[in-house]
Each structure stands twice: as structure tokens, then as C-alpha cells.
Amino acid sequence: METETKLTAGDAELTLRPEQGCRIASLKVGGTELLRQGDKFGAFLMVPWCGRTENGVFRNGGVTHQLPVDAPPHAIHGTGRHSVWHEAAPATETTAAFYYDLVDPWPYPGRVTHAVELAPHSAKLTLTVEARGDSFPAQAGWHPWWLRNLGQGGQDVELAFSAAWQEERGDNHLPNGNRIDPKPGPWDDCFGMPDGVEVALNWPGEMTVRVSSPSEWVVVYTEQPEAVCVEPQSGPPNGLNTRPRLVTPIDPLEITTVWNWQKVG
């Protein structure tokens, strides 16, 4: 039977499934579920890359690597969501930390750690990618599926954010290098927020959640009727190639996000 780790703080309850990619399977506030349920949903981790990597190919210096093409013709969302994670430190009522080691099909040794801190009105999430040998480019981020409707007779969620730019998408669904003024949704798009990610989700009269991160990149996805996604990440889609962030043995990659919530009414 698959194990779960449940954290509680005030009337908030967060459930992690380390054997299923360390995804956040559930986030309840006052008994109300905020995340879409199902094995592919909740909030999964994107690591060691985020979104699509073009044709599954990336380069590290003069070496070219081929990743499995699982969103043809591209590779998508990394290997962490398919991996079994292990306890990095004993869990408490409000904290937990898990890790997994990078192995094939990722070509470089390393370790990824996911730390979660739950408070009555917030959750702080931290992803760290460490190199255990050669340096390599990497990305990390979160892919939460926020319920479009909380199922209690209220209105659908409304998104509010102010981005400096939107990455224009080419025919291959990847950013083409042009930065354009943000367009109205629906979106499956990457936005730039150089002062840090700040996105508000408001279920009128019910709940407000604010997603923040020091990172300047967020993907917003609103093309499905059941849920919307607000994905803070350390670089844009295909960033292994277009904006590589090198992880070295003395310079790990760390990204954090905080979800703050407040019940309304």
C-alpha cells in the first residue's frame, strides 16, 4: 500500500505521496479541498527540467543528450514526478523533507530534495538540486492543479497577476525567443515577473490563495475545465537550452514558493 505523509497546522491539512513523485496529493483548508484529485494531479514536482525540452535534446557544453520523448516531439516536466522519493529528515506535524537521486535517463548524478513547511495560513515549498559529480544545467518548479470550482455552490476561480512580459509561443508550443505584452487567456503560457512571481487565485466569497516565489518565471495554464495551474519555476520551458542554469558541486539550484490562503466571508 502506498504511504502518505500528512501535515497539519490549524485547520490546514497537506498530504504528500513520496512514492508517487513526492507530489502534494491534497491541500485542505477548513475541510475544503483546493487541489484537483487524481494520480496525475494534486501538485507535482517538475525537476530536473520544467515544461517541454525541445525534441528531448539538451546540451551541456559540447555534449548532446537525448531524453525520453514523452510529450511528442518533446520531453516534458522532468523525471522527479515518476520517481520514488525517500525521507530526508523525520517528519513533524508541520514539516517534511524527501529526496531522490538523479539516475538514468538523466545523464548526470545528483540529488533533489523537496522540503515542505505548513503553517495555519501558508505552505512554504523548497526544491534543491545538487550535483554529485559533473556540473549540469537544470530547472525546478511546481505544477499545482488548483480546482476551478470548490464544489460548494460558489463561483469559479478568478486569476489576478501583472507580468512584465509573456513568452511568445512558436508552432512547436515552445517560447520562440520573443517577449510580447501579456495577452488575455485562456493560457498555456510562460510569463516573466522580474521582481518575483505573484499570482492571486480568488474564489469569490470563499477563498483567496496567493502563489509567490522569488523566481521570475511562471507558467499559467487555464485550458481545462476542471482546474487551473500556476507554476512557479526556475526558468522558461526549454530553458535547459535557452537559459541554462548550471548546477555545480559547490553551487546547487534552490527555488522556493509560498502559498498563502485566506478564507473569505
C-alpha atoms as a PDB file:
ATOM      1  CA  MET A   1       0.000   0.000   0.000  1.00  0.00           C
ATOM      2  CA  GLU A   2       1.328   3.417  -0.900  1.00  0.00           C
ATOM      3  CA  THR A   3       2.426   5.515   2.038  1.00  0.00           C
ATOM      4  CA  GLU A   4       1.335   9.076   2.688  1.00  0.00           C
ATOM      5  CA  THR A   5       2.698  11.806   4.896  1.00  0.00           C
ATOM      6  CA  LYS A   6       0.109  14.185   6.319  1.00  0.00           C
ATOM      7  CA  LEU A   7       0.962  17.560   7.805  1.00  0.00           C
ATOM      8  CA  THR A   8      -1.495  19.622   9.830  1.00  0.00           C
ATOM      9  CA  ALA A   9      -1.452  23.220  11.071  1.00  0.00           C
ATOM     10  CA  GLY A  10      -4.584  24.923  12.349  1.00  0.00           C
ATOM     11  CA  ASP A  11      -7.384  23.822  10.024  1.00  0.00           C
ATOM     12  CA  ALA A  12      -4.992  23.170   7.113  1.00  0.00           C
ATOM     13  CA  GLU A  13      -4.023  19.650   6.071  1.00  0.00           C
ATOM     14  CA  LEU A  14      -1.437  18.800   3.395  1.00  0.00           C
ATOM     15  CA  THR A  15      -0.803  15.274   2.097  1.00  0.00           C
ATOM     16  CA  LEU A  16       2.432  14.156   0.411  1.00  0.00           C
ATOM     17  CA  ARG A  17       2.927  10.937  -1.532  1.00  0.00           C
ATOM     18  CA  PRO A  18       6.688  10.237  -1.635  1.00  0.00           C
ATOM     19  CA  GLU A  19       6.276   7.036  -3.632  1.00  0.00           C
ATOM     20  CA  GLN A  20       4.383   8.957  -6.323  1.00  0.00           C
ATOM     21  CA  GLY A  21       6.915  11.609  -7.185  1.00  0.00           C
ATOM     22  CA  CYS A  22       6.601  13.350  -3.791  1.00  0.00           C
ATOM     23  CA  ARG A  23       3.551  15.122  -5.178  1.00  0.00           C
ATOM     24  CA  ILE A  24       1.256  17.079  -2.926  1.00  0.00           C
ATOM     25  CA  ALA A  25      -1.821  14.916  -3.282  1.00  0.00           C
ATOM     26  CA  SER A  26      -4.153  17.111  -1.245  1.00  0.00           C
ATOM     27  CA  LEU A  27      -4.394  20.524   0.381  1.00  0.00           C
ATOM     28  CA  LYS A  28      -7.454  21.087   2.524  1.00  0.00           C
ATOM     29  CA  VAL A  29      -8.330  24.273   4.372  1.00  0.00           C
ATOM     30  CA  GLY A  30     -11.216  24.000   6.803  1.00  0.00           C
ATOM     31  CA  GLY A  31     -12.115  20.691   5.175  1.00  0.00           C
ATOM     32  CA  THR A  32     -12.302  22.225   1.674  1.00  0.00           C
ATOM     33  CA  GLU A  33     -10.067  20.586  -0.937  1.00  0.00           C
ATOM     34  CA  LEU A  34      -8.175  23.107  -3.068  1.00  0.00           C
ATOM     35  CA  LEU A  35      -6.361  20.757  -5.475  1.00  0.00           C
ATOM     36  CA  ARG A  36      -7.773  18.572  -8.224  1.00  0.00           C
ATOM     37  CA  GLN A  37      -7.695  14.940  -7.151  1.00  0.00           C
ATOM     38  CA  GLY A  38      -6.192  12.024  -9.070  1.00  0.00           C
ATOM     39  CA  ASP A  39      -2.829  10.349  -9.612  1.00  0.00           C
ATOM     40  CA  LYS A  40      -1.778  12.867 -12.284  1.00  0.00           C
ATOM     41  CA  PHE A  41      -2.950  15.921 -10.388  1.00  0.00           C
ATOM     42  CA  GLY A  42      -2.600  17.465  -6.940  1.00  0.00           C
ATOM     43  CA  ALA A  43       0.657  19.409  -7.234  1.00  0.00           C
ATOM     44  CA  PHE A  44       3.523  17.548  -8.842  1.00  0.00           C
ATOM     45  CA  LEU A  45       7.194  18.485  -8.987  1.00  0.00           C
ATOM     46  CA  MET A  46       8.988  19.464 -12.180  1.00  0.00           C
ATOM     47  CA  VAL A  47      12.675  18.546 -11.924  1.00  0.00           C
ATOM     48  CA  PRO A  48      15.376  18.444 -13.296  1.00  0.00           C
ATOM     49  CA  TRP A  49      13.584  20.384 -16.045  1.00  0.00           C
ATOM     50  CA  CYS A  50      10.276  22.250 -16.335  1.00  0.00           C
ATOM     51  CA  GLY A  51       7.766  22.077 -19.151  1.00  0.00           C
ATOM     52  CA  ARG A  52       8.897  20.896 -22.566  1.00  0.00           C
ATOM     53  CA  THR A  53      12.503  20.354 -23.640  1.00  0.00           C
ATOM     54  CA  GLU A  54      12.654  20.659 -27.429  1.00  0.00           C
ATOM     55  CA  ASN A  55      12.753  17.245 -29.104  1.00  0.00           C
ATOM     56  CA  GLY A  56      14.014  15.827 -25.799  1.00  0.00           C
ATOM     57  CA  VAL A  57      17.503  17.144 -26.589  1.00  0.00           C
ATOM     58  CA  PHE A  58      19.724  19.346 -24.434  1.00  0.00           C
ATOM     59  CA  ARG A  59      23.378  20.245 -24.469  1.00  0.00           C
ATOM     60  CA  ASN A  60      25.923  20.562 -21.689  1.00  0.00           C
ATOM     61  CA  GLY A  61      28.948  22.258 -23.174  1.00  0.00           C
ATOM     62  CA  GLY A  62      29.912  20.226 -26.207  1.00  0.00           C
ATOM     63  CA  VAL A  63      27.943  17.139 -25.194  1.00  0.00           C
ATOM     64  CA  THR A  64      24.428  16.482 -26.517  1.00  0.00           C
ATOM     65  CA  HIS A  65      21.961  14.329 -24.566  1.00  0.00           C
ATOM     66  CA  GLN A  66      18.685  12.697 -25.621  1.00  0.00           C
ATOM     67  CA  LEU A  67      15.838  12.430 -23.098  1.00  0.00           C
ATOM     68  CA  PRO A  68      12.769  10.199 -23.491  1.00  0.00           C
ATOM     69  CA  VAL A  69      10.142  11.868 -25.678  1.00  0.00           C
ATOM     70  CA  ASP A  70       7.014  11.596 -23.501  1.00  0.00           C
ATOM     71  CA  ALA A  71       5.106  14.578 -24.958  1.00  0.00           C
ATOM     72  CA  PRO A  72       5.934  14.062 -28.657  1.00  0.00           C
ATOM     73  CA  PRO A  73       8.028  15.530 -30.071  1.00  0.00           C
ATOM     74  CA  HIS A  74       9.286  16.866 -26.728  1.00  0.00           C
ATOM     75  CA  ALA A  75      10.306  15.658 -23.259  1.00  0.00           C
ATOM     76  CA  ILE A  76       8.141  17.147 -20.518  1.00  0.00           C
ATOM     77  CA  HIS A  77       8.278  18.026 -16.811  1.00  0.00           C
ATOM     78  CA  GLY A  78      11.344  16.037 -15.722  1.00  0.00           C
ATOM     79  CA  THR A  79      11.880  12.690 -14.019  1.00  0.00           C
ATOM     80  CA  GLY A  80      11.041  13.595 -10.426  1.00  0.00           C
ATOM     81  CA  ARG A  81       7.297  13.066 -10.830  1.00  0.00           C
ATOM     82  CA  HIS A  82       7.910   9.438 -11.864  1.00  0.00           C
ATOM     83  CA  SER A  83      10.385   8.642  -9.077  1.00  0.00           C
ATOM     84  CA  VAL A  84      10.135   7.179  -5.586  1.00  0.00           C
ATOM     85  CA  TRP A  85      11.350   9.700  -3.027  1.00  0.00           C
ATOM     86  CA  HIS A  86      12.909   8.852   0.344  1.00  0.00           C
ATOM     87  CA  GLU A  87      12.717  10.551   3.709  1.00  0.00           C
ATOM     88  CA  ALA A  88      15.476  13.142   4.118  1.00  0.00           C
ATOM     89  CA  ALA A  89      14.582  14.006   7.702  1.00  0.00           C
ATOM     90  CA  PRO A  90      11.988  12.747  10.167  1.00  0.00           C
ATOM     91  CA  ALA A  91       8.648  14.427   9.571  1.00  0.00           C
ATOM     92  CA  THR A  92       6.998  16.531  12.255  1.00  0.00           C
ATOM     93  CA  GLU A  93       3.390  17.606  12.494  1.00  0.00           C
ATOM     94  CA  THR A  94       4.119  20.579  10.218  1.00  0.00           C
ATOM     95  CA  THR A  95       7.339  19.732   8.291  1.00  0.00           C
ATOM     96  CA  ALA A  96       8.607  17.044   5.943  1.00  0.00           C
ATOM     97  CA  ALA A  97      11.559  16.592   3.593  1.00  0.00           C
ATOM     98  CA  PHE A  98      12.192  13.944   0.938  1.00  0.00           C
ATOM     99  CA  TYR A  99      14.878  13.303  -1.676  1.00  0.00           C
ATOM    100  CA  TYR A 100      15.570  11.241  -4.755  1.00  0.00           C
ATOM    101  CA  ASP A 101      18.822  10.641  -6.590  1.00  0.00           C
ATOM    102  CA  LEU A 102      19.088  11.520 -10.267  1.00  0.00           C
ATOM    103  CA  VAL A 103      19.603   8.398 -12.369  1.00  0.00           C
ATOM    104  CA  ASP A 104      19.061   7.280 -15.977  1.00  0.00           C
ATOM    105  CA  PRO A 105      17.517   8.696 -18.164  1.00  0.00           C
ATOM    106  CA  TRP A 106      19.034  11.836 -16.624  1.00  0.00           C
ATOM    107  CA  PRO A 107      22.710  11.609 -17.579  1.00  0.00           C
ATOM    108  CA  TYR A 108      24.328  13.235 -14.523  1.00  0.00           C
ATOM    109  CA  PRO A 109      24.483  12.131 -10.874  1.00  0.00           C
ATOM    110  CA  GLY A 110      22.820  14.422  -8.386  1.00  0.00           C
ATOM    111  CA  ARG A 111      20.266  14.669  -5.607  1.00  0.00           C
ATOM    112  CA  VAL A 112      16.968  16.546  -5.435  1.00  0.00           C
ATOM    113  CA  THR A 113      15.376  17.472  -2.095  1.00  0.00           C
ATOM    114  CA  HIS A 114      11.822  18.705  -1.506  1.00  0.00           C
ATOM    115  CA  ALA A 115      11.124  20.382   1.848  1.00  0.00           C
ATOM    116  CA  VAL A 116       7.625  21.372   2.964  1.00  0.00           C
ATOM    117  CA  GLU A 117       6.686  23.645   5.873  1.00  0.00           C
ATOM    118  CA  LEU A 118       2.992  24.004   6.699  1.00  0.00           C
ATOM    119  CA  ALA A 119       1.529  26.830   8.783  1.00  0.00           C
ATOM    120  CA  PRO A 120      -2.137  27.565   9.527  1.00  0.00           C
ATOM    121  CA  HIS A 121      -2.382  30.005   6.605  1.00  0.00           C
ATOM    122  CA  SER A 122       0.532  29.055   4.331  1.00  0.00           C
ATOM    123  CA  ALA A 123       2.777  26.379   2.902  1.00  0.00           C
ATOM    124  CA  LYS A 124       6.425  27.008   2.039  1.00  0.00           C
ATOM    125  CA  LEU A 125       7.955  24.619  -0.501  1.00  0.00           C
ATOM    126  CA  THR A 126      11.662  24.369  -1.334  1.00  0.00           C
ATOM    127  CA  LEU A 127      13.299  22.354  -4.109  1.00  0.00           C
ATOM    128  CA  THR A 128      17.073  21.898  -4.162  1.00  0.00           C
ATOM    129  CA  VAL A 129      19.101  20.265  -6.942  1.00  0.00           C
ATOM    130  CA  GLU A 130      22.669  19.222  -6.099  1.00  0.00           C
ATOM    131  CA  ALA A 131      25.375  17.946  -8.446  1.00  0.00           C
ATOM    132  CA  ARG A 132      27.265  14.854  -7.276  1.00  0.00           C
ATOM    133  CA  GLY A 133      29.961  14.926  -9.956  1.00  0.00           C
ATOM    134  CA  ASP A 134      29.975  16.810 -13.240  1.00  0.00           C
ATOM    135  CA  SER A 135      28.116  20.092 -13.495  1.00  0.00           C
ATOM    136  CA  PHE A 136      24.874  20.148 -15.498  1.00  0.00           C
ATOM    137  CA  PRO A 137      22.044  22.503 -16.465  1.00  0.00           C
ATOM    138  CA  ALA A 138      18.798  22.016 -14.536  1.00  0.00           C
ATOM    139  CA  GLN A 139      15.434  23.521 -13.692  1.00  0.00           C
ATOM    140  CA  ALA A 140      12.928  23.014 -10.900  1.00  0.00           C
ATOM    141  CA  GLY A 141       9.377  24.060 -10.133  1.00  0.00           C
ATOM    142  CA  TRP A 142       5.861  23.067  -9.114  1.00  0.00           C
ATOM    143  CA  HIS A 143       2.781  22.196 -11.162  1.00  0.00           C
ATOM    144  CA  PRO A 144      -0.267  22.593  -8.871  1.00  0.00           C
ATOM    145  CA  TRP A 145      -3.742  21.878 -10.266  1.00  0.00           C
ATOM    146  CA  TRP A 146      -5.961  24.346  -8.399  1.00  0.00           C
ATOM    147  CA  LEU A 147      -9.634  23.450  -8.591  1.00  0.00           C
ATOM    148  CA  ARG A 148     -11.510  25.812 -10.863  1.00  0.00           C
ATOM    149  CA  ASN A 149     -14.578  25.457  -8.641  1.00  0.00           C
ATOM    150  CA  LEU A 150     -14.503  24.395  -4.984  1.00  0.00           C
ATOM    151  CA  GLY A 151     -17.720  22.438  -5.405  1.00  0.00           C
ATOM    152  CA  GLN A 152     -19.721  24.281  -2.754  1.00  0.00           C
ATOM    153  CA  GLY A 153     -22.041  26.250  -4.993  1.00  0.00           C
ATOM    154  CA  GLY A 154     -19.696  29.183  -5.405  1.00  0.00           C
ATOM    155  CA  GLN A 155     -18.205  30.859  -8.449  1.00  0.00           C
ATOM    156  CA  ASP A 156     -15.232  29.720 -10.488  1.00  0.00           C
ATOM    157  CA  VAL A 157     -11.759  30.940  -9.580  1.00  0.00           C
ATOM    158  CA  GLU A 158     -10.503  34.263 -10.905  1.00  0.00           C
ATOM    159  CA  LEU A 159      -6.798  34.830 -11.559  1.00  0.00           C
ATOM    160  CA  ALA A 160      -5.048  38.136 -10.983  1.00  0.00           C
ATOM    161  CA  PHE A 161      -1.420  38.877 -11.846  1.00  0.00           C
ATOM    162  CA  SER A 162       0.718  41.521 -13.507  1.00  0.00           C
ATOM    163  CA  ALA A 163       3.511  40.224 -15.733  1.00  0.00           C
ATOM    164  CA  ALA A 164       6.257  42.245 -17.392  1.00  0.00           C
ATOM    165  CA  TRP A 165       6.029  40.077 -20.483  1.00  0.00           C
ATOM    166  CA  GLN A 166       4.659  36.886 -21.990  1.00  0.00           C
ATOM    167  CA  GLU A 167       6.884  34.440 -23.846  1.00  0.00           C
ATOM    168  CA  GLU A 168       5.555  34.175 -27.387  1.00  0.00           C
ATOM    169  CA  ARG A 169       4.951  30.558 -28.387  1.00  0.00           C
ATOM    170  CA  GLY A 170       6.016  29.156 -31.724  1.00  0.00           C
ATOM    171  CA  ASP A 171       4.310  26.415 -33.736  1.00  0.00           C
ATOM    172  CA  ASN A 172       6.219  23.833 -31.670  1.00  0.00           C
ATOM    173  CA  HIS A 173       4.496  25.065 -28.473  1.00  0.00           C
ATOM    174  CA  LEU A 174       7.812  26.414 -27.131  1.00  0.00           C
ATOM    175  CA  PRO A 175       8.873  30.010 -26.495  1.00  0.00           C
ATOM    176  CA  ASN A 176      10.387  31.378 -29.711  1.00  0.00           C
ATOM    177  CA  GLY A 177      12.566  33.992 -28.032  1.00  0.00           C
ATOM    178  CA  ASN A 178      10.194  36.924 -28.466  1.00  0.00           C
ATOM    179  CA  ARG A 179       8.784  38.693 -25.435  1.00  0.00           C
ATOM    180  CA  ILE A 180       5.342  40.190 -26.014  1.00  0.00           C
ATOM    181  CA  ASP A 181       2.802  42.118 -23.976  1.00  0.00           C
ATOM    182  CA  PRO A 182       0.647  39.716 -21.937  1.00  0.00           C
ATOM    183  CA  LYS A 183      -2.456  38.598 -23.794  1.00  0.00           C
ATOM    184  CA  PRO A 184      -5.820  37.584 -22.296  1.00  0.00           C
ATOM    185  CA  GLY A 185      -6.429  33.885 -21.625  1.00  0.00           C
ATOM    186  CA  PRO A 186      -7.065  31.068 -21.922  1.00  0.00           C
ATOM    187  CA  TRP A 187      -3.378  30.377 -21.388  1.00  0.00           C
ATOM    188  CA  ASP A 188      -0.777  27.699 -21.638  1.00  0.00           C
ATOM    189  CA  ASP A 189       1.944  30.301 -21.468  1.00  0.00           C
ATOM    190  CA  CYS A 190       5.042  31.414 -19.634  1.00  0.00           C
ATOM    191  CA  PHE A 191       5.166  34.874 -18.094  1.00  0.00           C
ATOM    192  CA  GLY A 192       8.080  36.918 -16.816  1.00  0.00           C
ATOM    193  CA  MET A 193       7.956  38.617 -13.421  1.00  0.00           C
ATOM    194  CA  PRO A 194      11.451  40.004 -12.767  1.00  0.00           C
ATOM    195  CA  ASP A 195      10.514  41.159  -9.246  1.00  0.00           C
ATOM    196  CA  GLY A 196       9.268  37.693  -8.322  1.00  0.00           C
ATOM    197  CA  VAL A 197       6.178  35.625  -9.023  1.00  0.00           C
ATOM    198  CA  GLU A 198       2.934  36.948  -7.512  1.00  0.00           C
ATOM    199  CA  VAL A 199      -0.361  35.403  -8.645  1.00  0.00           C
ATOM    200  CA  ALA A 200      -3.675  35.583  -6.778  1.00  0.00           C
ATOM    201  CA  LEU A 201      -6.407  32.977  -7.133  1.00  0.00           C
ATOM    202  CA  ASN A 202      -9.742  34.199  -5.850  1.00  0.00           C
ATOM    203  CA  TRP A 203     -12.838  32.054  -5.436  1.00  0.00           C
ATOM    204  CA  PRO A 204     -15.336  34.894  -4.788  1.00  0.00           C
ATOM    205  CA  GLY A 205     -16.837  34.744  -1.328  1.00  0.00           C
ATOM    206  CA  GLU A 206     -14.941  31.544  -0.464  1.00  0.00           C
ATOM    207  CA  MET A 207     -11.155  31.584  -0.591  1.00  0.00           C
ATOM    208  CA  THR A 208      -8.115  33.509  -1.791  1.00  0.00           C
ATOM    209  CA  VAL A 209      -4.752  31.844  -2.449  1.00  0.00           C
ATOM    210  CA  ARG A 210      -1.620  33.819  -3.292  1.00  0.00           C
ATOM    211  CA  VAL A 211       1.221  31.998  -5.043  1.00  0.00           C
ATOM    212  CA  SER A 212       4.582  33.730  -4.697  1.00  0.00           C
ATOM    213  CA  SER A 213       8.210  32.903  -5.468  1.00  0.00           C
ATOM    214  CA  PRO A 214      11.483  34.834  -5.757  1.00  0.00           C
ATOM    215  CA  SER A 215      11.837  33.243  -9.197  1.00  0.00           C
ATOM    216  CA  GLU A 216      10.883  35.396 -12.178  1.00  0.00           C
ATOM    217  CA  TRP A 217       9.137  32.702 -14.233  1.00  0.00           C
ATOM    218  CA  VAL A 218       5.621  31.310 -14.010  1.00  0.00           C
ATOM    219  CA  VAL A 219       3.576  29.193 -16.396  1.00  0.00           C
ATOM    220  CA  VAL A 220      -0.188  29.714 -16.244  1.00  0.00           C
ATOM    221  CA  TYR A 221      -2.433  27.012 -17.698  1.00  0.00           C
ATOM    222  CA  THR A 222      -6.210  27.522 -17.920  1.00  0.00           C
ATOM    223  CA  GLU A 223      -7.247  25.358 -20.879  1.00  0.00           C
ATOM    224  CA  GLN A 224      -9.048  22.611 -18.913  1.00  0.00           C
ATOM    225  CA  PRO A 225     -12.483  22.974 -17.305  1.00  0.00           C
ATOM    226  CA  GLU A 226     -11.634  21.215 -14.021  1.00  0.00           C
ATOM    227  CA  ALA A 227      -8.607  23.149 -12.806  1.00  0.00           C
ATOM    228  CA  VAL A 228      -6.118  25.943 -13.414  1.00  0.00           C
ATOM    229  CA  CYS A 229      -2.353  25.713 -12.973  1.00  0.00           C
ATOM    230  CA  VAL A 230       0.005  28.377 -11.647  1.00  0.00           C
ATOM    231  CA  GLU A 231       3.546  27.027 -11.926  1.00  0.00           C
ATOM    232  CA  PRO A 232       6.498  28.930 -10.423  1.00  0.00           C
ATOM    233  CA  GLN A 233       9.691  27.625 -11.992  1.00  0.00           C
ATOM    234  CA  SER A 234      13.372  28.490 -12.213  1.00  0.00           C
ATOM    235  CA  GLY A 235      13.340  29.110 -15.968  1.00  0.00           C
ATOM    236  CA  PRO A 236      11.079  29.075 -19.016  1.00  0.00           C
ATOM    237  CA  PRO A 237      10.056  25.984 -20.999  1.00  0.00           C
ATOM    238  CA  ASN A 238      13.037  24.629 -22.958  1.00  0.00           C
ATOM    239  CA  GLY A 239      15.238  26.541 -20.554  1.00  0.00           C
ATOM    240  CA  LEU A 240      17.817  23.736 -20.457  1.00  0.00           C
ATOM    241  CA  ASN A 241      18.735  25.005 -23.910  1.00  0.00           C
ATOM    242  CA  THR A 242      17.745  28.678 -23.939  1.00  0.00           C
ATOM    243  CA  ARG A 243      18.581  29.804 -20.375  1.00  0.00           C
ATOM    244  CA  PRO A 244      20.717  27.055 -18.840  1.00  0.00           C
ATOM    245  CA  ARG A 245      21.313  27.398 -15.114  1.00  0.00           C
ATOM    246  CA  LEU A 246      24.415  25.350 -14.342  1.00  0.00           C
ATOM    247  CA  VAL A 247      24.337  23.267 -11.161  1.00  0.00           C
ATOM    248  CA  THR A 248      27.832  22.600  -9.828  1.00  0.00           C
ATOM    249  CA  PRO A 249      29.100  20.675  -6.795  1.00  0.00           C
ATOM    250  CA  ILE A 250      29.518  23.994  -4.944  1.00  0.00           C
ATOM    251  CA  ASP A 251      26.507  25.843  -6.380  1.00  0.00           C
ATOM    252  CA  PRO A 252      23.204  23.946  -6.073  1.00  0.00           C
ATOM    253  CA  LEU A 253      19.960  25.176  -7.584  1.00  0.00           C
ATOM    254  CA  GLU A 254      17.357  26.189  -4.997  1.00  0.00           C
ATOM    255  CA  ILE A 255      13.872  27.522  -5.635  1.00  0.00           C
ATOM    256  CA  THR A 256      11.107  28.299  -3.168  1.00  0.00           C
ATOM    257  CA  THR A 257       7.431  29.088  -3.404  1.00  0.00           C
ATOM    258  CA  VAL A 258       4.925  30.118  -0.746  1.00  0.00           C
ATOM    259  CA  TRP A 259       1.194  29.558  -0.962  1.00  0.00           C
ATOM    260  CA  ASN A 260      -0.793  31.846   1.345  1.00  0.00           C
ATOM    261  CA  TRP A 261      -4.513  31.365   1.809  1.00  0.00           C
ATOM    262  CA  GLN A 262      -7.351  33.191   3.466  1.00  0.00           C
ATOM    263  CA  LYS A 263     -10.951  32.157   3.790  1.00  0.00           C
ATOM    264  CA  VAL A 264     -13.380  34.828   2.652  1.00  0.00           C
ATOM    265  CA  GLY A 265     -16.726  35.537   4.250  1.00  0.00           C
END
